[in-house]
Amino acid sequence: MDQFKGASLDCLRSTRPVFRGLDFDLPAGGALVLTGPNGSGKSSLLRLMAGLLPPAGGTLSWNGEPVAEDPDAHRARLAYLGHLDAVKPALTAAENLAFWAQLEGADPATAVGPALDALAIGHLADLPARFLSAGQKRRLNLARLGLGKAVLWLLDEPATALDVETISRLRDLIHRHRDGGGMVAVSTHSDLELKDAVNLDLGQYTVSAARAAAEETAA
């Protein structure tokens, strides 16, 4: 069974510490919900988990092996969705997903339709993305999750601009992923009501600006 762990993680933004000594343990089928005030490092932690930001201290491991030893293998096992929607405005909704399906090694002919339907945007398949609303673009971006075989989903505020019905669809998508042994780490200000999720409050690990300034002065 897969297991993703972080031990004594430190994170820097430029030269300023964001958090220190952070630990997490995410098993197969698990969900880790990142909470905390703005600036506490939720997005930074997700980027660190995705290998987009190196930890300033501590280690990330997958099944007991350091992620840093094989970063390509780690990237291949995850799907990362950040704040910005990766949607090309000149392409239709279906063409956007077909592009991502090819990158994921999936067959667009069979993967795109079900992925659109999972987020209730099948009727928008032939509409150029530039005409989509913010919520529809968010749903299109989330539909990418249904294309690949990523074990680890890293989602940064995925419920932004979504209505109640779509949040329910997202929740169902996450539940199905976890039921199949997948795992998810999600930052959110909304309660997604994920079953048996573990809450990680980054406020417990945050380094205040005053403390950081004092440490810089002492150094």
N, C-alpha and C. Protein backbone atom coordinates (compact mmCIF):
# COMPACT_ATOMS: atom_id res chain seq x y z
N MET A 1 0.85 -1.20 0.00
CA MET A 1 0.00 0.00 0.00
C MET A 1 0.89 1.25 0.00
N ASP A 2 0.53 2.20 -0.85
CA ASP A 2 1.32 3.42 -0.96
C ASP A 2 1.21 4.27 0.30
N GLN A 3 2.30 5.00 0.57
CA GLN A 3 2.32 5.92 1.70
C GLN A 3 3.23 7.09 1.37
N PHE A 4 2.72 8.30 1.59
CA PHE A 4 3.43 9.54 1.32
C PHE A 4 3.64 10.25 2.65
N LYS A 5 4.90 10.57 2.96
CA LYS A 5 5.20 11.16 4.26
C LYS A 5 6.09 12.40 4.12
N GLY A 6 5.89 13.32 5.05
CA GLY A 6 6.78 14.46 5.21
C GLY A 6 7.26 14.49 6.65
N ALA A 7 8.57 14.71 6.85
CA ALA A 7 9.13 14.71 8.19
C ALA A 7 9.97 15.96 8.41
N SER A 8 9.63 16.72 9.45
CA SER A 8 10.38 17.91 9.88
C SER A 8 10.61 18.89 8.72
N LEU A 9 9.57 19.14 7.96
CA LEU A 9 9.70 19.99 6.77
C LEU A 9 9.78 21.47 7.14
N ASP A 10 10.73 22.14 6.52
CA ASP A 10 10.87 23.59 6.62
C ASP A 10 10.63 24.18 5.24
N CYS A 11 10.02 25.36 5.19
CA CYS A 11 9.75 26.02 3.92
C CYS A 11 10.16 27.48 4.00
N LEU A 12 10.85 27.94 2.96
CA LEU A 12 11.23 29.34 2.85
C LEU A 12 10.54 29.96 1.65
N ARG A 13 10.10 31.20 1.79
CA ARG A 13 9.61 32.00 0.67
C ARG A 13 10.59 33.14 0.50
N SER A 14 11.35 33.11 -0.57
CA SER A 14 12.51 33.96 -0.73
C SER A 14 13.47 33.57 0.40
N THR A 15 13.76 34.48 1.31
CA THR A 15 14.63 34.11 2.45
C THR A 15 13.85 34.05 3.75
N ARG A 16 12.53 34.27 3.69
CA ARG A 16 11.72 34.29 4.90
C ARG A 16 11.12 32.91 5.19
N PRO A 17 11.26 32.43 6.42
CA PRO A 17 10.64 31.14 6.76
C PRO A 17 9.12 31.23 6.76
N VAL A 18 8.47 30.22 6.18
CA VAL A 18 7.01 30.16 6.16
C VAL A 18 6.51 29.22 7.25
N PHE A 19 7.05 28.02 7.28
CA PHE A 19 6.72 27.08 8.36
C PHE A 19 7.95 26.23 8.65
N ARG A 20 7.93 25.62 9.84
CA ARG A 20 9.05 24.78 10.27
C ARG A 20 8.55 23.54 10.98
N GLY A 21 9.32 22.46 10.84
CA GLY A 21 9.07 21.25 11.60
C GLY A 21 7.75 20.59 11.31
N LEU A 22 7.27 20.69 10.08
CA LEU A 22 5.95 20.16 9.73
C LEU A 22 6.05 18.67 9.37
N ASP A 23 5.15 17.89 9.91
CA ASP A 23 5.06 16.46 9.62
C ASP A 23 3.69 16.12 9.05
N PHE A 24 3.64 15.17 8.13
CA PHE A 24 2.35 14.64 7.69
C PHE A 24 2.55 13.18 7.28
N ASP A 25 1.46 12.44 7.29
CA ASP A 25 1.47 11.03 6.91
C ASP A 25 0.19 10.76 6.13
N LEU A 26 0.34 10.47 4.84
CA LEU A 26 -0.81 10.29 3.96
C LEU A 26 -0.78 8.87 3.38
N PRO A 27 -1.65 7.98 3.88
CA PRO A 27 -1.66 6.60 3.39
C PRO A 27 -2.57 6.44 2.17
N ALA A 28 -2.50 5.28 1.55
CA ALA A 28 -3.40 4.96 0.45
C ALA A 28 -4.84 5.09 0.92
N GLY A 29 -5.67 5.76 0.12
CA GLY A 29 -7.06 5.98 0.49
C GLY A 29 -7.28 7.13 1.44
N GLY A 30 -6.21 7.84 1.79
CA GLY A 30 -6.30 8.91 2.79
C GLY A 30 -6.57 10.27 2.19
N ALA A 31 -7.02 11.19 3.05
CA ALA A 31 -7.26 12.58 2.65
C ALA A 31 -6.67 13.49 3.72
N LEU A 32 -5.88 14.45 3.27
CA LEU A 32 -5.26 15.43 4.16
C LEU A 32 -5.81 16.80 3.80
N VAL A 33 -6.50 17.43 4.75
CA VAL A 33 -7.10 18.75 4.51
C VAL A 33 -6.23 19.81 5.17
N LEU A 34 -5.70 20.71 4.36
CA LEU A 34 -4.81 21.76 4.86
C LEU A 34 -5.63 23.00 5.18
N THR A 35 -5.55 23.44 6.41
CA THR A 35 -6.25 24.64 6.84
C THR A 35 -5.26 25.60 7.49
N GLY A 36 -5.74 26.80 7.79
CA GLY A 36 -4.88 27.80 8.41
C GLY A 36 -5.15 29.16 7.78
N PRO A 37 -4.72 30.21 8.44
CA PRO A 37 -4.96 31.57 7.92
C PRO A 37 -4.17 31.83 6.65
N ASN A 38 -4.57 32.86 5.91
CA ASN A 38 -3.82 33.26 4.72
C ASN A 38 -2.36 33.52 5.08
N GLY A 39 -1.46 33.02 4.25
CA GLY A 39 -0.05 33.23 4.51
C GLY A 39 0.58 32.17 5.38
N SER A 40 -0.19 31.17 5.81
CA SER A 40 0.35 30.14 6.69
C SER A 40 1.13 29.07 5.92
N GLY A 41 1.03 29.08 4.58
CA GLY A 41 1.85 28.17 3.78
C GLY A 41 1.11 27.00 3.15
N LYS A 42 -0.21 27.07 3.05
CA LYS A 42 -0.97 25.95 2.46
C LYS A 42 -0.55 25.71 1.01
N SER A 43 -0.54 26.77 0.22
CA SER A 43 -0.15 26.62 -1.19
C SER A 43 1.32 26.22 -1.30
N SER A 44 2.14 26.77 -0.44
CA SER A 44 3.57 26.43 -0.47
C SER A 44 3.78 24.95 -0.15
N LEU A 45 3.02 24.43 0.80
CA LEU A 45 3.16 23.01 1.14
C LEU A 45 2.75 22.13 -0.04
N LEU A 46 1.66 22.49 -0.72
CA LEU A 46 1.24 21.71 -1.88
C LEU A 46 2.29 21.75 -2.98
N ARG A 47 2.89 22.89 -3.21
CA ARG A 47 3.96 23.00 -4.21
C ARG A 47 5.17 22.19 -3.79
N LEU A 48 5.44 22.18 -2.51
CA LEU A 48 6.55 21.37 -1.99
C LEU A 48 6.25 19.88 -2.19
N MET A 49 5.00 19.47 -1.90
CA MET A 49 4.60 18.08 -2.11
C MET A 49 4.71 17.66 -3.57
N ALA A 50 4.46 18.62 -4.46
CA ALA A 50 4.48 18.34 -5.90
C ALA A 50 5.88 18.36 -6.49
N GLY A 51 6.86 18.75 -5.70
CA GLY A 51 8.22 18.84 -6.21
C GLY A 51 8.51 20.12 -6.95
N LEU A 52 7.60 21.09 -6.87
CA LEU A 52 7.79 22.38 -7.53
C LEU A 52 8.59 23.34 -6.66
N LEU A 53 8.73 23.02 -5.40
CA LEU A 53 9.45 23.84 -4.44
C LEU A 53 10.25 22.91 -3.53
N PRO A 54 11.56 23.08 -3.45
CA PRO A 54 12.35 22.18 -2.61
C PRO A 54 12.20 22.54 -1.13
N PRO A 55 12.14 21.57 -0.25
CA PRO A 55 12.08 21.89 1.18
C PRO A 55 13.40 22.49 1.64
N ALA A 56 13.32 23.47 2.52
CA ALA A 56 14.54 24.05 3.08
C ALA A 56 15.14 23.15 4.15
N GLY A 57 14.32 22.21 4.62
CA GLY A 57 14.78 21.24 5.62
C GLY A 57 13.79 20.11 5.70
N GLY A 58 14.22 18.96 6.20
CA GLY A 58 13.33 17.82 6.32
C GLY A 58 13.29 16.99 5.04
N THR A 59 12.45 15.96 5.03
CA THR A 59 12.40 15.04 3.90
C THR A 59 10.97 14.69 3.51
N LEU A 60 10.80 14.42 2.23
CA LEU A 60 9.58 13.84 1.67
C LEU A 60 9.91 12.43 1.23
N SER A 61 9.04 11.48 1.54
CA SER A 61 9.31 10.10 1.14
C SER A 61 8.05 9.44 0.60
N TRP A 62 8.27 8.50 -0.32
CA TRP A 62 7.18 7.70 -0.88
C TRP A 62 7.53 6.24 -0.66
N ASN A 63 6.70 5.58 0.09
CA ASN A 63 6.94 4.18 0.45
C ASN A 63 8.33 3.99 1.05
N GLY A 64 8.73 4.95 1.88
CA GLY A 64 9.98 4.86 2.60
C GLY A 64 11.20 5.33 1.84
N GLU A 65 11.05 5.67 0.55
CA GLU A 65 12.17 6.13 -0.26
C GLU A 65 12.10 7.64 -0.47
N PRO A 66 13.22 8.36 -0.30
CA PRO A 66 13.20 9.81 -0.48
C PRO A 66 12.73 10.20 -1.88
N VAL A 67 11.78 11.11 -1.96
CA VAL A 67 11.25 11.58 -3.23
C VAL A 67 12.36 12.22 -4.06
N ALA A 68 13.30 12.88 -3.41
CA ALA A 68 14.36 13.59 -4.11
C ALA A 68 15.26 12.66 -4.91
N GLU A 69 15.26 11.37 -4.60
CA GLU A 69 16.11 10.43 -5.32
C GLU A 69 15.56 10.09 -6.71
N ASP A 70 14.26 10.27 -6.92
CA ASP A 70 13.67 10.00 -8.23
C ASP A 70 12.51 10.96 -8.47
N PRO A 71 12.83 12.24 -8.71
CA PRO A 71 11.76 13.24 -8.88
C PRO A 71 10.86 12.98 -10.07
N ASP A 72 11.38 12.37 -11.13
CA ASP A 72 10.55 12.08 -12.30
C ASP A 72 9.46 11.07 -11.95
N ALA A 73 9.81 10.06 -11.19
CA ALA A 73 8.82 9.06 -10.77
C ALA A 73 7.75 9.71 -9.90
N HIS A 74 8.15 10.67 -9.07
CA HIS A 74 7.17 11.34 -8.21
C HIS A 74 6.21 12.19 -9.04
N ARG A 75 6.74 12.92 -10.01
CA ARG A 75 5.87 13.74 -10.86
C ARG A 75 4.88 12.88 -11.63
N ALA A 76 5.30 11.67 -12.01
CA ALA A 76 4.44 10.79 -12.79
C ALA A 76 3.28 10.23 -11.96
N ARG A 77 3.42 10.25 -10.64
CA ARG A 77 2.37 9.65 -9.79
C ARG A 77 1.38 10.68 -9.26
N LEU A 78 1.56 11.97 -9.60
CA LEU A 78 0.70 12.98 -9.00
C LEU A 78 -0.01 13.84 -10.03
N ALA A 79 -1.10 14.44 -9.58
CA ALA A 79 -1.82 15.47 -10.34
C ALA A 79 -1.92 16.69 -9.44
N TYR A 80 -1.39 17.81 -9.92
CA TYR A 80 -1.39 19.06 -9.13
C TYR A 80 -2.25 20.09 -9.83
N LEU A 81 -3.24 20.61 -9.12
CA LEU A 81 -4.10 21.68 -9.62
C LEU A 81 -3.95 22.89 -8.71
N GLY A 82 -3.36 23.95 -9.24
CA GLY A 82 -3.14 25.16 -8.45
C GLY A 82 -4.28 26.15 -8.55
N HIS A 83 -4.00 27.39 -8.15
CA HIS A 83 -5.02 28.43 -8.15
C HIS A 83 -5.48 28.78 -9.57
N LEU A 84 -4.54 28.81 -10.50
CA LEU A 84 -4.86 29.23 -11.86
C LEU A 84 -5.39 28.05 -12.67
N ASP A 85 -6.42 28.30 -13.46
CA ASP A 85 -6.99 27.26 -14.30
C ASP A 85 -6.16 27.12 -15.57
N ALA A 86 -5.66 25.92 -15.83
CA ALA A 86 -4.83 25.67 -17.01
C ALA A 86 -5.73 25.43 -18.22
N VAL A 87 -6.38 26.48 -18.68
CA VAL A 87 -7.35 26.39 -19.76
C VAL A 87 -6.90 27.30 -20.91
N LYS A 88 -6.79 26.73 -22.10
CA LYS A 88 -6.42 27.52 -23.28
C LYS A 88 -7.70 28.11 -23.88
N PRO A 89 -7.84 29.44 -23.90
CA PRO A 89 -9.11 30.07 -24.30
C PRO A 89 -9.51 29.82 -25.75
N ALA A 90 -8.54 29.58 -26.64
CA ALA A 90 -8.87 29.39 -28.05
C ALA A 90 -9.39 27.99 -28.35
N LEU A 91 -9.17 27.05 -27.44
CA LEU A 91 -9.62 25.68 -27.64
C LEU A 91 -10.99 25.47 -27.01
N THR A 92 -11.75 24.54 -27.53
CA THR A 92 -13.02 24.19 -26.91
C THR A 92 -12.74 23.43 -25.61
N ALA A 93 -13.80 23.25 -24.83
CA ALA A 93 -13.65 22.49 -23.59
C ALA A 93 -13.13 21.09 -23.88
N ALA A 94 -13.70 20.44 -24.89
CA ALA A 94 -13.26 19.09 -25.23
C ALA A 94 -11.83 19.08 -25.74
N GLU A 95 -11.45 20.06 -26.52
CA GLU A 95 -10.08 20.13 -27.04
C GLU A 95 -9.07 20.35 -25.91
N ASN A 96 -9.45 21.17 -24.92
CA ASN A 96 -8.58 21.35 -23.76
C ASN A 96 -8.32 20.03 -23.07
N LEU A 97 -9.38 19.27 -22.83
CA LEU A 97 -9.22 17.98 -22.15
C LEU A 97 -8.49 16.97 -23.02
N ALA A 98 -8.70 17.01 -24.32
CA ALA A 98 -7.99 16.10 -25.22
C ALA A 98 -6.48 16.34 -25.15
N PHE A 99 -6.10 17.62 -25.06
CA PHE A 99 -4.68 17.97 -24.92
C PHE A 99 -4.10 17.34 -23.66
N TRP A 100 -4.82 17.48 -22.53
CA TRP A 100 -4.34 16.92 -21.27
C TRP A 100 -4.38 15.40 -21.29
N ALA A 101 -5.37 14.82 -21.96
CA ALA A 101 -5.46 13.36 -22.04
C ALA A 101 -4.23 12.79 -22.75
N GLN A 102 -3.80 13.44 -23.81
CA GLN A 102 -2.62 12.97 -24.53
C GLN A 102 -1.38 13.05 -23.66
N LEU A 103 -1.27 14.11 -22.86
CA LEU A 103 -0.12 14.23 -21.95
C LEU A 103 -0.15 13.13 -20.89
N GLU A 104 -1.35 12.71 -20.50
CA GLU A 104 -1.50 11.69 -19.46
C GLU A 104 -1.42 10.27 -20.03
N GLY A 105 -1.31 10.17 -21.36
CA GLY A 105 -1.26 8.85 -21.97
C GLY A 105 -2.62 8.18 -22.09
N ALA A 106 -3.69 8.97 -21.97
CA ALA A 106 -5.04 8.45 -22.09
C ALA A 106 -5.55 8.65 -23.52
N ASP A 107 -6.55 7.87 -23.92
CA ASP A 107 -7.15 7.99 -25.24
C ASP A 107 -8.23 9.07 -25.20
N PRO A 108 -8.02 10.20 -25.87
CA PRO A 108 -9.02 11.27 -25.83
C PRO A 108 -10.41 10.82 -26.27
N ALA A 109 -10.46 9.88 -27.21
CA ALA A 109 -11.74 9.45 -27.75
C ALA A 109 -12.63 8.80 -26.69
N THR A 110 -12.01 8.16 -25.70
CA THR A 110 -12.79 7.49 -24.67
C THR A 110 -12.74 8.19 -23.32
N ALA A 111 -11.75 9.05 -23.11
CA ALA A 111 -11.56 9.65 -21.78
C ALA A 111 -12.24 11.01 -21.62
N VAL A 112 -12.33 11.79 -22.69
CA VAL A 112 -12.80 13.17 -22.57
C VAL A 112 -14.27 13.25 -22.18
N GLY A 113 -15.13 12.49 -22.85
CA GLY A 113 -16.57 12.55 -22.57
C GLY A 113 -16.91 12.26 -21.12
N PRO A 114 -16.45 11.13 -20.55
CA PRO A 114 -16.74 10.83 -19.15
C PRO A 114 -16.17 11.87 -18.19
N ALA A 115 -15.01 12.42 -18.52
CA ALA A 115 -14.40 13.44 -17.64
C ALA A 115 -15.26 14.70 -17.61
N LEU A 116 -15.78 15.10 -18.76
CA LEU A 116 -16.67 16.27 -18.81
C LEU A 116 -17.97 15.99 -18.06
N ASP A 117 -18.52 14.80 -18.27
CA ASP A 117 -19.80 14.46 -17.63
C ASP A 117 -19.68 14.40 -16.11
N ALA A 118 -18.51 14.01 -15.61
CA ALA A 118 -18.32 13.89 -14.17
C ALA A 118 -18.49 15.23 -13.47
N LEU A 119 -18.19 16.33 -14.18
CA LEU A 119 -18.35 17.67 -13.64
C LEU A 119 -19.54 18.40 -14.26
N ALA A 120 -20.41 17.65 -14.94
CA ALA A 120 -21.65 18.19 -15.52
C ALA A 120 -21.40 19.31 -16.52
N ILE A 121 -20.39 19.15 -17.37
CA ILE A 121 -20.12 20.16 -18.41
C ILE A 121 -20.03 19.51 -19.79
N GLY A 122 -20.64 18.35 -19.93
CA GLY A 122 -20.65 17.72 -21.24
C GLY A 122 -21.31 18.57 -22.30
N HIS A 123 -22.30 19.36 -21.91
CA HIS A 123 -23.00 20.22 -22.87
C HIS A 123 -22.14 21.38 -23.35
N LEU A 124 -20.99 21.58 -22.71
CA LEU A 124 -20.09 22.67 -23.09
C LEU A 124 -18.91 22.18 -23.93
N ALA A 125 -18.95 20.93 -24.33
CA ALA A 125 -17.81 20.30 -24.99
C ALA A 125 -17.30 21.10 -26.19
N ASP A 126 -18.20 21.64 -27.00
CA ASP A 126 -17.80 22.32 -28.24
C ASP A 126 -17.71 23.83 -28.11
N LEU A 127 -17.82 24.33 -26.89
CA LEU A 127 -17.77 25.77 -26.67
C LEU A 127 -16.33 26.21 -26.42
N PRO A 128 -15.84 27.23 -27.16
CA PRO A 128 -14.49 27.73 -26.88
C PRO A 128 -14.37 28.18 -25.43
N ALA A 129 -13.25 27.86 -24.81
CA ALA A 129 -13.08 28.11 -23.39
C ALA A 129 -13.14 29.58 -23.03
N ARG A 130 -12.90 30.45 -23.99
CA ARG A 130 -12.95 31.89 -23.67
C ARG A 130 -14.36 32.35 -23.31
N PHE A 131 -15.35 31.55 -23.65
CA PHE A 131 -16.73 31.91 -23.34
C PHE A 131 -17.22 31.29 -22.03
N LEU A 132 -16.38 30.54 -21.37
CA LEU A 132 -16.78 29.89 -20.12
C LEU A 132 -16.72 30.86 -18.96
N SER A 133 -17.62 30.68 -18.01
CA SER A 133 -17.59 31.49 -16.78
C SER A 133 -16.45 31.00 -15.89
N ALA A 134 -16.18 31.72 -14.82
CA ALA A 134 -15.12 31.33 -13.89
C ALA A 134 -15.40 29.95 -13.31
N GLY A 135 -16.66 29.71 -12.94
CA GLY A 135 -17.01 28.41 -12.38
C GLY A 135 -16.89 27.29 -13.39
N GLN A 136 -17.25 27.56 -14.65
CA GLN A 136 -17.14 26.54 -15.69
C GLN A 136 -15.68 26.23 -16.00
N LYS A 137 -14.83 27.25 -16.01
CA LYS A 137 -13.40 27.02 -16.21
C LYS A 137 -12.83 26.18 -15.07
N ARG A 138 -13.28 26.46 -13.86
CA ARG A 138 -12.82 25.67 -12.72
C ARG A 138 -13.25 24.22 -12.87
N ARG A 139 -14.48 23.99 -13.30
CA ARG A 139 -14.96 22.62 -13.50
C ARG A 139 -14.17 21.93 -14.61
N LEU A 140 -13.86 22.65 -15.67
CA LEU A 140 -13.06 22.08 -16.75
C LEU A 140 -11.68 21.69 -16.25
N ASN A 141 -11.10 22.52 -15.44
CA ASN A 141 -9.78 22.22 -14.87
C ASN A 141 -9.86 20.97 -13.98
N LEU A 142 -10.90 20.88 -13.16
CA LEU A 142 -11.06 19.73 -12.29
C LEU A 142 -11.33 18.45 -13.07
N ALA A 143 -11.93 18.59 -14.25
CA ALA A 143 -12.21 17.41 -15.08
C ALA A 143 -10.94 16.69 -15.48
N ARG A 144 -9.80 17.38 -15.44
CA ARG A 144 -8.52 16.74 -15.74
C ARG A 144 -8.24 15.58 -14.80
N LEU A 145 -8.79 15.63 -13.60
CA LEU A 145 -8.53 14.57 -12.63
C LEU A 145 -9.05 13.22 -13.12
N GLY A 146 -10.04 13.25 -13.97
CA GLY A 146 -10.61 12.00 -14.47
C GLY A 146 -9.89 11.42 -15.67
N LEU A 147 -8.81 12.04 -16.11
CA LEU A 147 -8.13 11.61 -17.33
C LEU A 147 -6.99 10.64 -17.09
N GLY A 148 -6.22 10.88 -16.05
CA GLY A 148 -5.01 10.10 -15.83
C GLY A 148 -5.16 9.05 -14.75
N LYS A 149 -4.03 8.50 -14.39
CA LYS A 149 -3.99 7.46 -13.37
C LYS A 149 -3.15 7.89 -12.17
N ALA A 150 -3.11 9.20 -11.92
CA ALA A 150 -2.33 9.71 -10.80
C ALA A 150 -2.86 9.16 -9.48
N VAL A 151 -1.96 8.70 -8.65
CA VAL A 151 -2.32 8.19 -7.33
C VAL A 151 -2.55 9.33 -6.35
N LEU A 152 -1.73 10.37 -6.45
CA LEU A 152 -1.74 11.48 -5.51
C LEU A 152 -2.33 12.72 -6.15
N TRP A 153 -3.43 13.21 -5.58
CA TRP A 153 -4.04 14.46 -6.04
C TRP A 153 -3.68 15.57 -5.06
N LEU A 154 -3.14 16.68 -5.59
CA LEU A 154 -2.80 17.85 -4.80
C LEU A 154 -3.65 19.01 -5.31
N LEU A 155 -4.60 19.45 -4.50
CA LEU A 155 -5.61 20.40 -4.95
C LEU A 155 -5.58 21.66 -4.09
N ASP A 156 -5.35 22.80 -4.74
CA ASP A 156 -5.24 24.08 -4.05
C ASP A 156 -6.54 24.86 -4.22
N GLU A 157 -7.34 24.93 -3.16
CA GLU A 157 -8.63 25.62 -3.15
C GLU A 157 -9.50 25.21 -4.34
N PRO A 158 -9.77 23.93 -4.50
CA PRO A 158 -10.52 23.47 -5.68
C PRO A 158 -11.98 23.93 -5.71
N ALA A 159 -12.55 24.30 -4.56
CA ALA A 159 -13.96 24.67 -4.52
C ALA A 159 -14.22 26.13 -4.88
N THR A 160 -13.16 26.89 -5.16
CA THR A 160 -13.33 28.30 -5.51
C THR A 160 -14.21 28.44 -6.76
N ALA A 161 -15.21 29.30 -6.69
CA ALA A 161 -16.13 29.63 -7.80
C ALA A 161 -17.08 28.48 -8.15
N LEU A 162 -17.18 27.46 -7.28
CA LEU A 162 -18.08 26.35 -7.55
C LEU A 162 -19.38 26.51 -6.76
N ASP A 163 -20.49 26.08 -7.36
CA ASP A 163 -21.76 26.07 -6.65
C ASP A 163 -21.88 24.79 -5.82
N VAL A 164 -22.94 24.72 -5.04
CA VAL A 164 -23.11 23.60 -4.10
C VAL A 164 -23.17 22.26 -4.83
N GLU A 165 -23.89 22.22 -5.95
CA GLU A 165 -24.02 20.96 -6.69
C GLU A 165 -22.66 20.48 -7.21
N THR A 166 -21.84 21.41 -7.71
CA THR A 166 -20.55 21.02 -8.27
C THR A 166 -19.59 20.61 -7.17
N ILE A 167 -19.68 21.26 -6.01
CA ILE A 167 -18.86 20.84 -4.87
C ILE A 167 -19.20 19.40 -4.49
N SER A 168 -20.48 19.06 -4.56
CA SER A 168 -20.90 17.68 -4.28
C SER A 168 -20.30 16.72 -5.30
N ARG A 169 -20.26 17.12 -6.57
CA ARG A 169 -19.66 16.28 -7.61
C ARG A 169 -18.16 16.11 -7.37
N LEU A 170 -17.50 17.18 -6.97
CA LEU A 170 -16.08 17.12 -6.65
C LEU A 170 -15.84 16.17 -5.49
N ARG A 171 -16.68 16.27 -4.47
CA ARG A 171 -16.57 15.38 -3.31
C ARG A 171 -16.71 13.92 -3.74
N ASP A 172 -17.68 13.64 -4.61
CA ASP A 172 -17.88 12.27 -5.09
C ASP A 172 -16.67 11.78 -5.88
N LEU A 173 -16.08 12.68 -6.68
CA LEU A 173 -14.90 12.35 -7.47
C LEU A 173 -13.74 11.96 -6.55
N ILE A 174 -13.57 12.75 -5.49
CA ILE A 174 -12.50 12.47 -4.52
C ILE A 174 -12.76 11.16 -3.80
N HIS A 175 -14.01 10.92 -3.41
CA HIS A 175 -14.34 9.67 -2.71
C HIS A 175 -14.06 8.45 -3.58
N ARG A 176 -14.40 8.52 -4.86
CA ARG A 176 -14.14 7.39 -5.75
C ARG A 176 -12.65 7.15 -5.91
N HIS A 177 -11.91 8.24 -6.01
CA HIS A 177 -10.45 8.14 -6.12
C HIS A 177 -9.86 7.46 -4.89
N ARG A 178 -10.31 7.86 -3.72
CA ARG A 178 -9.81 7.27 -2.48
C ARG A 178 -10.25 5.82 -2.33
N ASP A 179 -11.48 5.50 -2.74
CA ASP A 179 -11.96 4.12 -2.65
C ASP A 179 -11.10 3.19 -3.49
N GLY A 180 -10.48 3.72 -4.54
CA GLY A 180 -9.60 2.93 -5.38
C GLY A 180 -8.16 2.92 -4.91
N GLY A 181 -7.90 3.46 -3.71
CA GLY A 181 -6.55 3.47 -3.17
C GLY A 181 -5.78 4.75 -3.39
N GLY A 182 -6.42 5.73 -4.06
CA GLY A 182 -5.76 7.00 -4.27
C GLY A 182 -5.73 7.84 -3.01
N MET A 183 -4.97 8.90 -3.05
CA MET A 183 -4.85 9.80 -1.90
C MET A 183 -4.96 11.24 -2.37
N VAL A 184 -5.37 12.12 -1.45
CA VAL A 184 -5.55 13.52 -1.82
C VAL A 184 -5.11 14.43 -0.69
N ALA A 185 -4.44 15.52 -1.06
CA ALA A 185 -4.14 16.61 -0.12
C ALA A 185 -4.78 17.85 -0.71
N VAL A 186 -5.60 18.52 0.09
CA VAL A 186 -6.38 19.64 -0.43
C VAL A 186 -6.36 20.81 0.55
N SER A 187 -6.08 22.01 0.02
CA SER A 187 -6.19 23.21 0.85
C SER A 187 -7.56 23.80 0.60
N THR A 188 -8.19 24.27 1.66
CA THR A 188 -9.55 24.78 1.49
C THR A 188 -9.96 25.69 2.64
N HIS A 189 -10.80 26.66 2.33
CA HIS A 189 -11.46 27.47 3.35
C HIS A 189 -12.91 27.00 3.51
N SER A 190 -13.31 26.03 2.68
CA SER A 190 -14.66 25.49 2.74
C SER A 190 -14.61 24.06 3.27
N ASP A 191 -15.67 23.64 3.91
CA ASP A 191 -15.75 22.27 4.41
C ASP A 191 -16.23 21.37 3.28
N LEU A 192 -15.33 20.57 2.74
CA LEU A 192 -15.69 19.66 1.65
C LEU A 192 -16.35 18.38 2.17
N GLU A 193 -16.37 18.22 3.49
CA GLU A 193 -17.00 17.08 4.12
C GLU A 193 -16.44 15.76 3.59
N LEU A 194 -15.12 15.68 3.55
CA LEU A 194 -14.46 14.45 3.11
C LEU A 194 -14.44 13.46 4.26
N LYS A 195 -14.87 12.26 4.00
CA LYS A 195 -14.98 11.26 5.06
C LYS A 195 -13.58 10.86 5.56
N ASP A 196 -13.48 10.73 6.87
CA ASP A 196 -12.25 10.27 7.53
C ASP A 196 -11.01 11.06 7.12
N ALA A 197 -11.20 12.34 6.84
CA ALA A 197 -10.06 13.18 6.47
C ALA A 197 -9.30 13.61 7.71
N VAL A 198 -8.00 13.80 7.54
CA VAL A 198 -7.14 14.31 8.61
C VAL A 198 -6.88 15.79 8.37
N ASN A 199 -7.14 16.60 9.39
CA ASN A 199 -6.92 18.03 9.27
C ASN A 199 -5.49 18.38 9.69
N LEU A 200 -4.82 19.17 8.85
CA LEU A 200 -3.48 19.67 9.17
C LEU A 200 -3.55 21.19 9.22
N ASP A 201 -3.49 21.74 10.43
CA ASP A 201 -3.56 23.18 10.63
C ASP A 201 -2.16 23.77 10.52
N LEU A 202 -1.89 24.45 9.41
CA LEU A 202 -0.55 24.98 9.20
C LEU A 202 -0.23 26.13 10.14
N GLY A 203 -1.27 26.69 10.76
CA GLY A 203 -1.03 27.75 11.73
C GLY A 203 -0.16 27.29 12.89
N GLN A 204 -0.13 25.99 13.14
CA GLN A 204 0.68 25.45 14.23
C GLN A 204 2.17 25.46 13.89
N TYR A 205 2.50 25.58 12.61
CA TYR A 205 3.90 25.50 12.18
C TYR A 205 4.41 26.81 11.60
N THR A 206 3.53 27.81 11.52
CA THR A 206 3.89 29.07 10.88
C THR A 206 4.90 29.85 11.69
N VAL A 207 5.83 30.48 10.98
CA VAL A 207 6.80 31.38 11.61
C VAL A 207 6.31 32.80 11.39
N SER A 208 6.02 33.52 12.46
CA SER A 208 5.47 34.87 12.33
C SER A 208 6.50 35.81 11.72
N ALA A 209 6.00 36.88 11.09
CA ALA A 209 6.90 37.87 10.47
C ALA A 209 7.80 38.51 11.52
N ALA A 210 7.25 38.76 12.72
CA ALA A 210 8.05 39.37 13.79
C ALA A 210 9.18 38.44 14.22
N ARG A 211 8.85 37.16 14.34
CA ARG A 211 9.89 36.19 14.74
C ARG A 211 10.94 36.05 13.66
N ALA A 212 10.50 36.01 12.40
CA ALA A 212 11.46 35.91 11.31
C ALA A 212 12.39 37.11 11.26
N ALA A 213 11.81 38.31 11.47
CA ALA A 213 12.63 39.53 11.46
C ALA A 213 13.64 39.52 12.60
N ALA A 214 13.20 39.04 13.78
CA ALA A 214 14.09 38.98 14.93
C ALA A 214 15.23 38.00 14.69
N GLU A 215 14.92 36.88 14.03
CA GLU A 215 15.96 35.89 13.75
C GLU A 215 16.96 36.43 12.73
N GLU A 216 16.46 37.19 11.73
CA GLU A 216 17.36 37.78 10.74
C GLU A 216 18.30 38.79 11.41
N THR A 217 17.74 39.57 12.34
CA THR A 217 18.56 40.56 13.02
C THR A 217 19.62 39.90 13.87
N ALA A 218 19.23 38.80 14.56
CA ALA A 218 20.17 38.07 15.41
C ALA A 218 21.28 37.42 14.61
N ALA A 219 20.92 36.98 13.40
CA ALA A 219 21.91 36.33 12.54
C ALA A 219 22.92 37.33 12.00
